[in-house]
Structures are given as structure tokens and as C-alpha cells.
């Protein structure tokens, strides 16, 4: 039996209604799809630009005449020479200018570089393991202000989950808590972590020093070797960053698996800086730092705080040559007592 004309008309009307409804739904969805696509592309471009900026600034910092590049070239020359390197000092500029390995013996070498923060521990580990002879002991020292920092030099190596927890925990008292998670650190860290030396800002760097020389034992020599007039620091605002200590613990565990002992080195600072660390707003956080260091390193901690008088400091954290000699002799005494 053939369908009646009324049935065909009903089907056609139903089909037209369905098509019209689908067309209306597509019309309603199209703005949402457009916005989602637009913001997705913006986020993708923003991510790409930040990663590109980060990679470019890192490559510029780690090549040519940068302190890092000079330290690595000096290390390779030392390994190629007659002496056998068994122990290295690593960390930030306080270690770079503060430890004079030649006083300890020919088997010691300083490879610390200015601006070093926990995010660069992965880079440090790779370089240590790539040396012709992997060192048996690594002394690691990082300024407490860098342990409090989240403007990392290499944010791509930071554990994301831990950094997120840090951001949540410090959201109300730290305006920068989520910044590295949002913009990847590429643009925000550019001026603070790559273009400004920890030894002085670009505006007054000329008045602070005229030359930086990496000596054969790896110590960074700063000229002129004179004391600076630094305003007294009354207080610090430190933040406890789980991510920084997670990276330190991972670094120690990775090297321990290769038979390398990592020892934490607490460097000395001026009396004003030490007082700011242990009094006022930063006292509680500094205590948490110390507990975490002891948890991670156990007995492998050498505390050199308070061992050098203020007259040997170039500023609140960096030693002059005479201060470096004095500190290294103090360290030699500690090493002799624990052997």
C-alpha cells in the first residue's frame, strides 16, 4: 500500500522542524565554539611565546662569556689537567665568591654560579654526571632568599603539583604565588632572573665592580675587591616553597644513586642579614627551612653561619678575597674534624 499524501506531508513537516531545530542549536552553539577556539589559540600562543622567551634567555645565559659558561670551561680544563677532581662546590654567588678551593687542596673545585636557584639543580646534575670523572662529594649552598623564591630560572623543571600546592598555601599573603604557573616564568622572570646579576643591578653595576674573573680553582674573583655601603636590612619576608625543597631532595637522591655524596653548606652572611633571617617575619619560615634541610641531608650539613666578621663582607652576602680565605680555612677545620 502506498502512503497517503497526508502522511508524506506530515513526514516532510517533521523533517523540516528537525532541520530547523538543529540549525538553531548550531547557531546558538557557534558563538561558544568561536570563543573557546579563540581563547584556546590565545593560550597556546601565550604558552609558546613564554617557552620561547625562556629558552632564548637560558641559552644566552649559558653561553659565551656568561659566568656559567666560564665556570664550565674552567671545570673541563681542570679535569683535563694533572689533578684529580673528587670534590666540587656548587650553588649560588655566595658560594661562587666565598669558597677558595686551592686552600683545601688540588682535588677541590668551585663550579657555583651567580643566580643559581633550585630549578637549576637538574642542569647541575647533568653537568656533574657528564664530567670525565664524576665527583665523589658535592657541597651545595643556596641563599635562603632563593629558597623562598618562585621566579625560577628554569620553571619547566619545577614539579607542577608541588608548585600548585605552594600557590594555594601562600595565596593570601603572596601576590606572586600563582605567577609561575600562569605565565611559565618566561616573561616575568626575564628582568629578575636573567637580565640582573645577583651581584648588582644593571643601573649601578659599574659602580659595584669592573671585572669578574673565574680563577683556576673555580672561585669567582670580583674587582675592585672593596667593601660596599649597603643599607641595613631590618626584616625579610620569606615564603616556604615545598617545590624548592622537593627539587633539592630529588637532586640528592639522584646523585646518591650514582654514589655521589651531597652535603648541604649553610653559608655565612652579615650580622644584619642573619638577624633579619632569625627575627621578625622570617623567623618561622627560616626555622622550617632548617628543619627541611636536616630532614633531607640528615648529618650531611655544615653550618658556617657566624664564622666571618662583617668587615670581610663585600655586601650582606658576598665575601671579599680575605673573607673567602678566612671562610675556606674555617671550612678546612670543619672537614678535618669530621673525617
Protein backbone atom coordinates (compact mmCIF):
# COMPACT_ATOMS: atom_id res chain seq x y z
CA UNK A 1 0.00 0.00 0.00
CA UNK A 2 1.33 3.44 -0.89
CA UNK A 3 1.50 6.08 1.87
CA UNK A 4 -1.14 8.74 1.62
CA UNK A 5 -0.37 12.32 0.69
CA UNK A 6 -1.24 13.46 4.21
CA UNK A 7 1.35 11.08 5.68
CA UNK A 8 4.02 12.37 3.32
CA UNK A 9 3.18 15.93 4.22
CA UNK A 10 3.43 15.08 7.92
CA UNK A 11 6.84 13.50 7.46
CA UNK A 12 8.07 16.45 5.47
CA UNK A 13 6.89 18.86 8.14
CA UNK A 14 8.59 16.80 10.86
CA UNK A 15 11.84 16.70 8.88
CA UNK A 16 11.73 20.43 8.32
CA UNK A 17 11.13 21.00 12.01
CA UNK A 18 14.12 18.80 12.95
CA UNK A 19 16.35 20.58 10.47
CA UNK A 20 15.21 23.94 11.75
CA UNK A 21 15.84 22.87 15.37
CA UNK A 22 19.34 21.57 14.51
CA UNK A 23 20.10 24.77 12.66
CA UNK A 24 19.00 26.87 15.60
CA UNK A 25 21.06 24.76 18.03
CA UNK A 26 24.13 25.08 15.80
CA UNK A 27 23.56 28.81 15.64
CA UNK A 28 23.35 29.01 19.42
CA UNK A 29 26.48 26.88 19.85
CA UNK A 30 28.62 28.69 17.28
CA UNK A 31 29.47 31.72 19.50
CA UNK A 32 30.57 29.39 22.28
CA UNK A 33 32.69 27.38 19.88
CA UNK A 34 34.21 30.56 18.49
CA UNK A 35 35.07 31.88 21.96
CA UNK A 36 36.51 28.52 23.05
CA UNK A 37 38.62 28.32 19.89
CA UNK A 38 39.76 31.94 20.23
CA UNK A 39 40.81 31.68 23.86
CA UNK A 40 42.39 28.29 23.21
CA UNK A 41 44.54 29.77 20.46
CA UNK A 42 45.44 32.76 22.66
CA UNK A 43 46.51 30.42 25.47
CA UNK A 44 48.51 28.30 23.03
CA UNK A 45 50.29 31.33 21.57
CA UNK A 46 50.94 32.76 25.04
CA UNK A 47 52.39 29.43 26.18
CA UNK A 48 54.55 29.19 23.08
CA UNK A 49 55.89 32.75 23.45
CA UNK A 50 56.75 32.20 27.11
CA UNK A 51 58.55 28.93 26.44
CA UNK A 52 60.42 30.55 23.53
CA UNK A 53 61.45 33.52 25.68
CA UNK A 54 62.53 31.16 28.45
CA UNK A 55 64.66 29.04 26.11
CA UNK A 56 66.27 32.09 24.48
CA UNK A 57 67.16 33.70 27.81
CA UNK A 58 68.50 30.42 29.14
CA UNK A 59 70.65 29.88 26.05
CA UNK A 60 72.04 33.41 26.32
CA UNK A 61 72.80 32.97 29.99
CA UNK A 62 74.55 29.64 29.48
CA UNK A 63 76.78 30.50 26.54
CA UNK A 64 79.57 32.83 25.56
CA UNK A 65 81.04 34.93 28.33
CA UNK A 66 78.42 34.24 30.99
CA UNK A 67 79.64 33.15 34.40
CA UNK A 68 78.05 29.72 33.91
CA UNK A 69 79.88 29.19 30.61
CA UNK A 70 83.19 30.34 32.12
CA UNK A 71 82.73 28.01 35.10
CA UNK A 72 82.03 25.01 32.86
CA UNK A 73 85.01 25.74 30.61
CA UNK A 74 87.21 26.12 33.66
CA UNK A 75 85.92 22.81 35.04
CA UNK A 76 86.69 20.95 31.81
CA UNK A 77 90.20 22.45 31.77
CA UNK A 78 90.70 21.37 35.38
CA UNK A 79 89.61 17.82 34.60
CA UNK A 80 91.91 17.75 31.58
CA UNK A 81 94.88 18.73 33.76
CA UNK A 82 97.04 16.57 36.01
CA UNK A 83 94.99 16.96 39.20
CA UNK A 84 92.19 14.56 40.10
CA UNK A 85 88.95 16.38 41.00
CA UNK A 86 86.99 14.48 43.65
CA UNK A 87 85.01 17.25 45.36
CA UNK A 88 83.10 20.21 43.93
CA UNK A 89 81.32 23.21 45.42
CA UNK A 90 78.03 24.19 43.80
CA UNK A 91 75.28 26.70 44.44
CA UNK A 92 74.76 30.44 44.02
CA UNK A 93 77.02 33.50 44.06
CA UNK A 94 77.68 33.30 47.81
CA UNK A 95 79.49 30.00 47.16
CA UNK A 96 80.97 31.19 43.87
CA UNK A 97 82.83 34.10 45.52
CA UNK A 98 83.03 32.67 49.06
CA UNK A 99 84.85 29.34 48.68
CA UNK A 100 88.53 29.20 47.63
CA UNK A 101 89.23 25.52 46.86
CA UNK A 102 93.01 25.95 46.43
CA UNK A 103 93.28 26.26 50.22
CA UNK A 104 91.66 22.84 50.65
CA UNK A 105 93.73 21.00 48.08
CA UNK A 106 94.08 20.27 44.34
CA UNK A 107 91.18 17.79 44.37
CA UNK A 108 88.62 20.56 45.12
CA UNK A 109 86.85 22.72 42.51
CA UNK A 110 84.27 25.53 42.64
CA UNK A 111 81.59 25.36 39.91
CA UNK A 112 78.91 27.53 41.60
CA UNK A 113 77.43 30.35 39.54
CA UNK A 114 75.53 33.55 40.30
CA UNK A 115 71.75 33.44 40.23
CA UNK A 116 71.60 29.70 40.85
CA UNK A 117 68.27 28.54 42.29
CA UNK A 118 66.75 25.08 42.96
CA UNK A 119 65.19 24.85 39.49
CA UNK A 120 68.69 24.59 38.01
CA UNK A 121 69.61 21.52 40.05
CA UNK A 122 68.62 19.32 37.10
CA UNK A 123 71.09 21.18 34.90
CA UNK A 124 73.75 20.89 37.62
CA UNK A 125 73.15 17.16 37.97
CA UNK A 126 73.52 16.63 34.21
CA UNK A 127 76.78 18.58 34.15
CA UNK A 128 78.22 16.74 37.15
CA UNK A 129 77.45 13.36 35.63
CA UNK A 130 78.92 14.43 32.28
CA UNK A 131 82.34 15.32 33.69
CA UNK A 132 85.22 12.94 32.78
CA UNK A 133 85.25 11.82 36.40
CA UNK A 134 82.08 12.05 38.47
CA UNK A 135 82.93 13.73 41.80
CA UNK A 136 82.60 11.73 45.00
CA UNK A 137 81.30 14.68 47.05
CA UNK A 138 79.27 17.78 46.20
CA UNK A 139 78.91 20.69 48.63
CA UNK A 140 75.71 22.58 47.85
CA UNK A 141 74.84 26.05 49.17
CA UNK A 142 71.80 28.18 48.24
CA UNK A 143 70.86 31.58 49.67
CA UNK A 144 67.68 31.48 51.83
CA UNK A 145 66.13 34.18 49.66
CA UNK A 146 66.43 31.87 46.64
CA UNK A 147 64.84 29.06 48.67
CA UNK A 148 61.93 31.47 49.22
CA UNK A 149 61.73 32.46 45.56
CA UNK A 150 59.42 31.12 42.87
CA UNK A 151 60.79 33.17 39.98
CA UNK A 152 62.74 30.14 38.86
CA UNK A 153 65.49 30.22 36.28
CA UNK A 154 64.15 27.00 34.74
CA UNK A 155 60.42 26.75 35.60
CA UNK A 156 59.95 23.80 33.23
CA UNK A 157 61.91 21.60 35.64
CA UNK A 158 59.75 22.54 38.64
CA UNK A 159 57.30 19.84 39.87
CA UNK A 160 53.92 21.26 38.84
CA UNK A 161 51.84 19.61 41.54
CA UNK A 162 54.03 20.85 44.36
CA UNK A 163 54.20 24.34 42.88
CA UNK A 164 50.39 24.37 42.71
CA UNK A 165 50.16 23.43 46.39
CA UNK A 166 52.64 26.22 47.20
CA UNK A 167 50.46 28.67 45.31
CA UNK A 168 47.33 27.62 47.17
CA UNK A 169 49.04 27.70 50.57
CA UNK A 170 50.51 31.18 50.08
CA UNK A 171 47.70 32.73 48.02
CA UNK A 172 46.55 35.23 50.65
CA UNK A 173 49.96 36.62 51.65
CA UNK A 174 51.92 36.28 48.41
CA UNK A 175 50.80 38.09 45.27
CA UNK A 176 53.28 36.06 43.19
CA UNK A 177 52.02 32.67 44.38
CA UNK A 178 50.47 31.57 41.06
CA UNK A 179 52.54 33.68 38.70
CA UNK A 180 54.97 30.95 37.58
CA UNK A 181 52.09 28.55 36.92
CA UNK A 182 50.21 31.09 34.82
CA UNK A 183 52.95 32.52 32.62
CA UNK A 184 55.63 29.83 32.85
CA UNK A 185 58.16 32.35 34.17
CA UNK A 186 59.37 33.20 30.68
CA UNK A 187 58.39 36.87 30.67
CA UNK A 188 58.00 37.66 34.37
CA UNK A 189 61.37 36.17 35.30
CA UNK A 190 63.20 37.82 32.43
CA UNK A 191 64.15 41.03 34.24
CA UNK A 192 64.67 39.48 37.68
CA UNK A 193 66.43 36.21 36.90
CA UNK A 194 68.31 36.78 33.64
CA UNK A 195 68.99 40.45 32.98
CA UNK A 196 70.01 41.46 36.52
CA UNK A 197 73.08 40.00 38.17
CA UNK A 198 72.72 38.98 41.84
CA UNK A 199 75.92 40.97 42.40
CA UNK A 200 74.33 44.24 41.32
CA UNK A 201 71.58 45.77 39.20
CA UNK A 202 72.24 46.87 35.65
CA UNK A 203 71.98 50.57 36.57
CA UNK A 204 74.70 50.58 39.22
CA UNK A 205 76.71 47.52 38.24
CA UNK A 206 79.56 49.70 37.00
CA UNK A 207 79.90 51.34 40.40
CA UNK A 208 79.90 47.97 42.15
CA UNK A 209 82.56 46.17 40.14
CA UNK A 210 84.54 46.48 36.94
CA UNK A 211 85.55 42.88 36.29
CA UNK A 212 84.64 39.28 37.12
CA UNK A 213 87.32 36.62 36.70
CA UNK A 214 86.99 32.87 37.19
CA UNK A 215 90.20 31.72 38.85
CA UNK A 216 91.76 28.29 38.12
CA UNK A 217 90.21 26.73 41.23
CA UNK A 218 86.79 27.99 40.11
CA UNK A 219 86.37 30.85 42.58
CA UNK A 220 84.78 33.98 41.12
CA UNK A 221 87.02 36.99 41.76
CA UNK A 222 85.25 40.36 41.86
CA UNK A 223 87.18 43.58 41.16
CA UNK A 224 87.56 46.02 42.76
CA UNK A 225 87.77 43.92 45.90
CA UNK A 226 86.31 46.56 48.22
CA UNK A 227 83.52 46.78 50.74
CA UNK A 228 80.24 48.37 49.66
CA UNK A 229 77.98 50.61 51.67
CA UNK A 230 74.83 48.51 51.96
CA UNK A 231 71.70 49.76 53.79
CA UNK A 232 70.93 47.75 56.91
CA UNK A 233 68.23 45.17 56.35
CA UNK A 234 65.63 45.23 59.10
CA UNK A 235 63.44 42.32 58.07
CA UNK A 236 62.83 39.76 55.34
CA UNK A 237 59.61 38.32 54.03
CA UNK A 238 60.30 34.68 53.23
CA UNK A 239 57.89 32.07 51.90
CA UNK A 240 58.15 28.34 52.39
CA UNK A 241 58.26 26.75 48.91
CA UNK A 242 57.78 23.00 49.03
CA UNK A 243 58.74 22.85 45.37
CA UNK A 244 62.26 24.14 46.09
CA UNK A 245 62.91 21.53 48.77
CA UNK A 246 61.36 18.82 46.60
CA UNK A 247 63.91 19.65 43.87
CA UNK A 248 66.75 19.65 46.40
CA UNK A 249 65.67 16.25 47.73
CA UNK A 250 65.35 14.82 44.20
CA UNK A 251 68.83 16.13 43.35
CA UNK A 252 70.38 14.50 46.40
CA UNK A 253 68.59 11.20 45.77
CA UNK A 254 69.59 11.12 42.09
CA UNK A 255 73.27 11.68 42.88
CA UNK A 256 73.19 9.25 45.81
CA UNK A 257 72.02 6.59 43.36
CA UNK A 258 75.24 7.24 41.41
CA UNK A 259 77.41 7.04 44.51
CA UNK A 260 77.83 10.80 44.98
CA UNK A 261 77.53 12.27 48.47
CA UNK A 262 75.78 15.67 48.64
CA UNK A 263 76.49 17.87 51.67
CA UNK A 264 74.48 20.98 52.47
CA UNK A 265 76.60 24.09 53.06
CA UNK A 266 75.00 26.89 55.10
CA UNK A 267 76.97 29.96 54.08
CA UNK A 268 77.67 32.92 56.40
CA UNK A 269 76.05 36.32 55.97
CA UNK A 270 76.45 39.73 57.56
CA UNK A 271 75.14 40.15 61.10
CA UNK A 272 72.29 42.35 59.86
CA UNK A 273 71.20 39.74 57.31
CA UNK A 274 71.50 36.88 59.83
CA UNK A 275 69.43 38.90 62.30
CA UNK A 276 66.79 39.55 59.64
CA UNK A 277 66.64 35.82 58.93
CA UNK A 278 66.10 34.78 62.53
CA UNK A 279 63.95 37.63 63.80
CA UNK A 280 60.60 39.13 62.86
CA UNK A 281 58.50 37.91 59.95
CA UNK A 282 61.05 35.47 58.53
CA UNK A 283 61.96 33.64 61.76
CA UNK A 284 59.27 30.96 61.46
CA UNK A 285 59.95 30.28 57.80
CA UNK A 286 63.70 30.15 58.36
CA UNK A 287 63.14 27.55 61.07
CA UNK A 288 61.07 25.49 58.63
CA UNK A 289 63.93 25.76 56.11
CA UNK A 290 66.38 24.40 58.67
CA UNK A 291 64.09 21.50 59.59
CA UNK A 292 63.65 20.56 55.94
CA UNK A 293 67.40 20.68 55.30
CA UNK A 294 68.05 18.42 58.29
CA UNK A 295 65.31 16.04 57.13
CA UNK A 296 66.80 15.82 53.64
CA UNK A 297 70.52 15.78 54.47
CA UNK A 298 70.48 14.34 57.99
CA UNK A 299 74.07 14.56 59.28
CA UNK A 300 75.44 15.88 55.96
CA UNK A 301 75.08 19.54 56.94
CA UNK A 302 77.90 22.02 57.58
CA UNK A 303 76.74 25.28 59.14
CA UNK A 304 79.21 28.13 58.57
CA UNK A 305 76.92 30.93 59.73
CA UNK A 306 78.56 33.39 62.10
CA UNK A 307 82.10 32.33 61.18
CA UNK A 308 83.15 35.53 59.35
CA UNK A 309 83.09 39.09 60.81
CA UNK A 310 81.28 41.83 58.91
CA UNK A 311 84.46 43.61 57.81
CA UNK A 312 85.21 40.72 55.45
CA UNK A 313 81.93 41.07 53.54
CA UNK A 314 81.64 42.99 50.29
CA UNK A 315 77.91 43.34 50.96
CA UNK A 316 75.41 41.44 53.10
CA UNK A 317 76.13 38.06 51.49
CA UNK A 318 79.26 38.15 49.31
CA UNK A 319 82.76 37.89 50.75
CA UNK A 320 85.86 39.77 49.66
CA UNK A 321 89.04 37.83 48.91
CA UNK A 322 90.27 37.98 52.51
CA UNK A 323 86.84 36.80 53.69
CA UNK A 324 86.89 33.93 51.21
CA UNK A 325 90.30 32.85 52.52
CA UNK A 326 89.13 33.04 56.12
CA UNK A 327 85.91 31.13 55.44
CA UNK A 328 87.68 28.39 53.48
CA UNK A 329 90.16 27.89 56.32
CA UNK A 330 87.24 27.61 58.74
CA UNK A 331 85.71 25.02 56.43
CA UNK A 332 89.02 23.12 56.30
CA UNK A 333 88.92 22.88 60.09
CA UNK A 334 85.37 21.51 59.99
CA UNK A 335 86.28 18.97 57.32
CA UNK A 336 89.33 17.83 59.31
CA UNK A 337 87.19 17.32 62.40
CA UNK A 338 84.60 15.10 60.65
CA UNK A 339 86.98 12.89 58.68
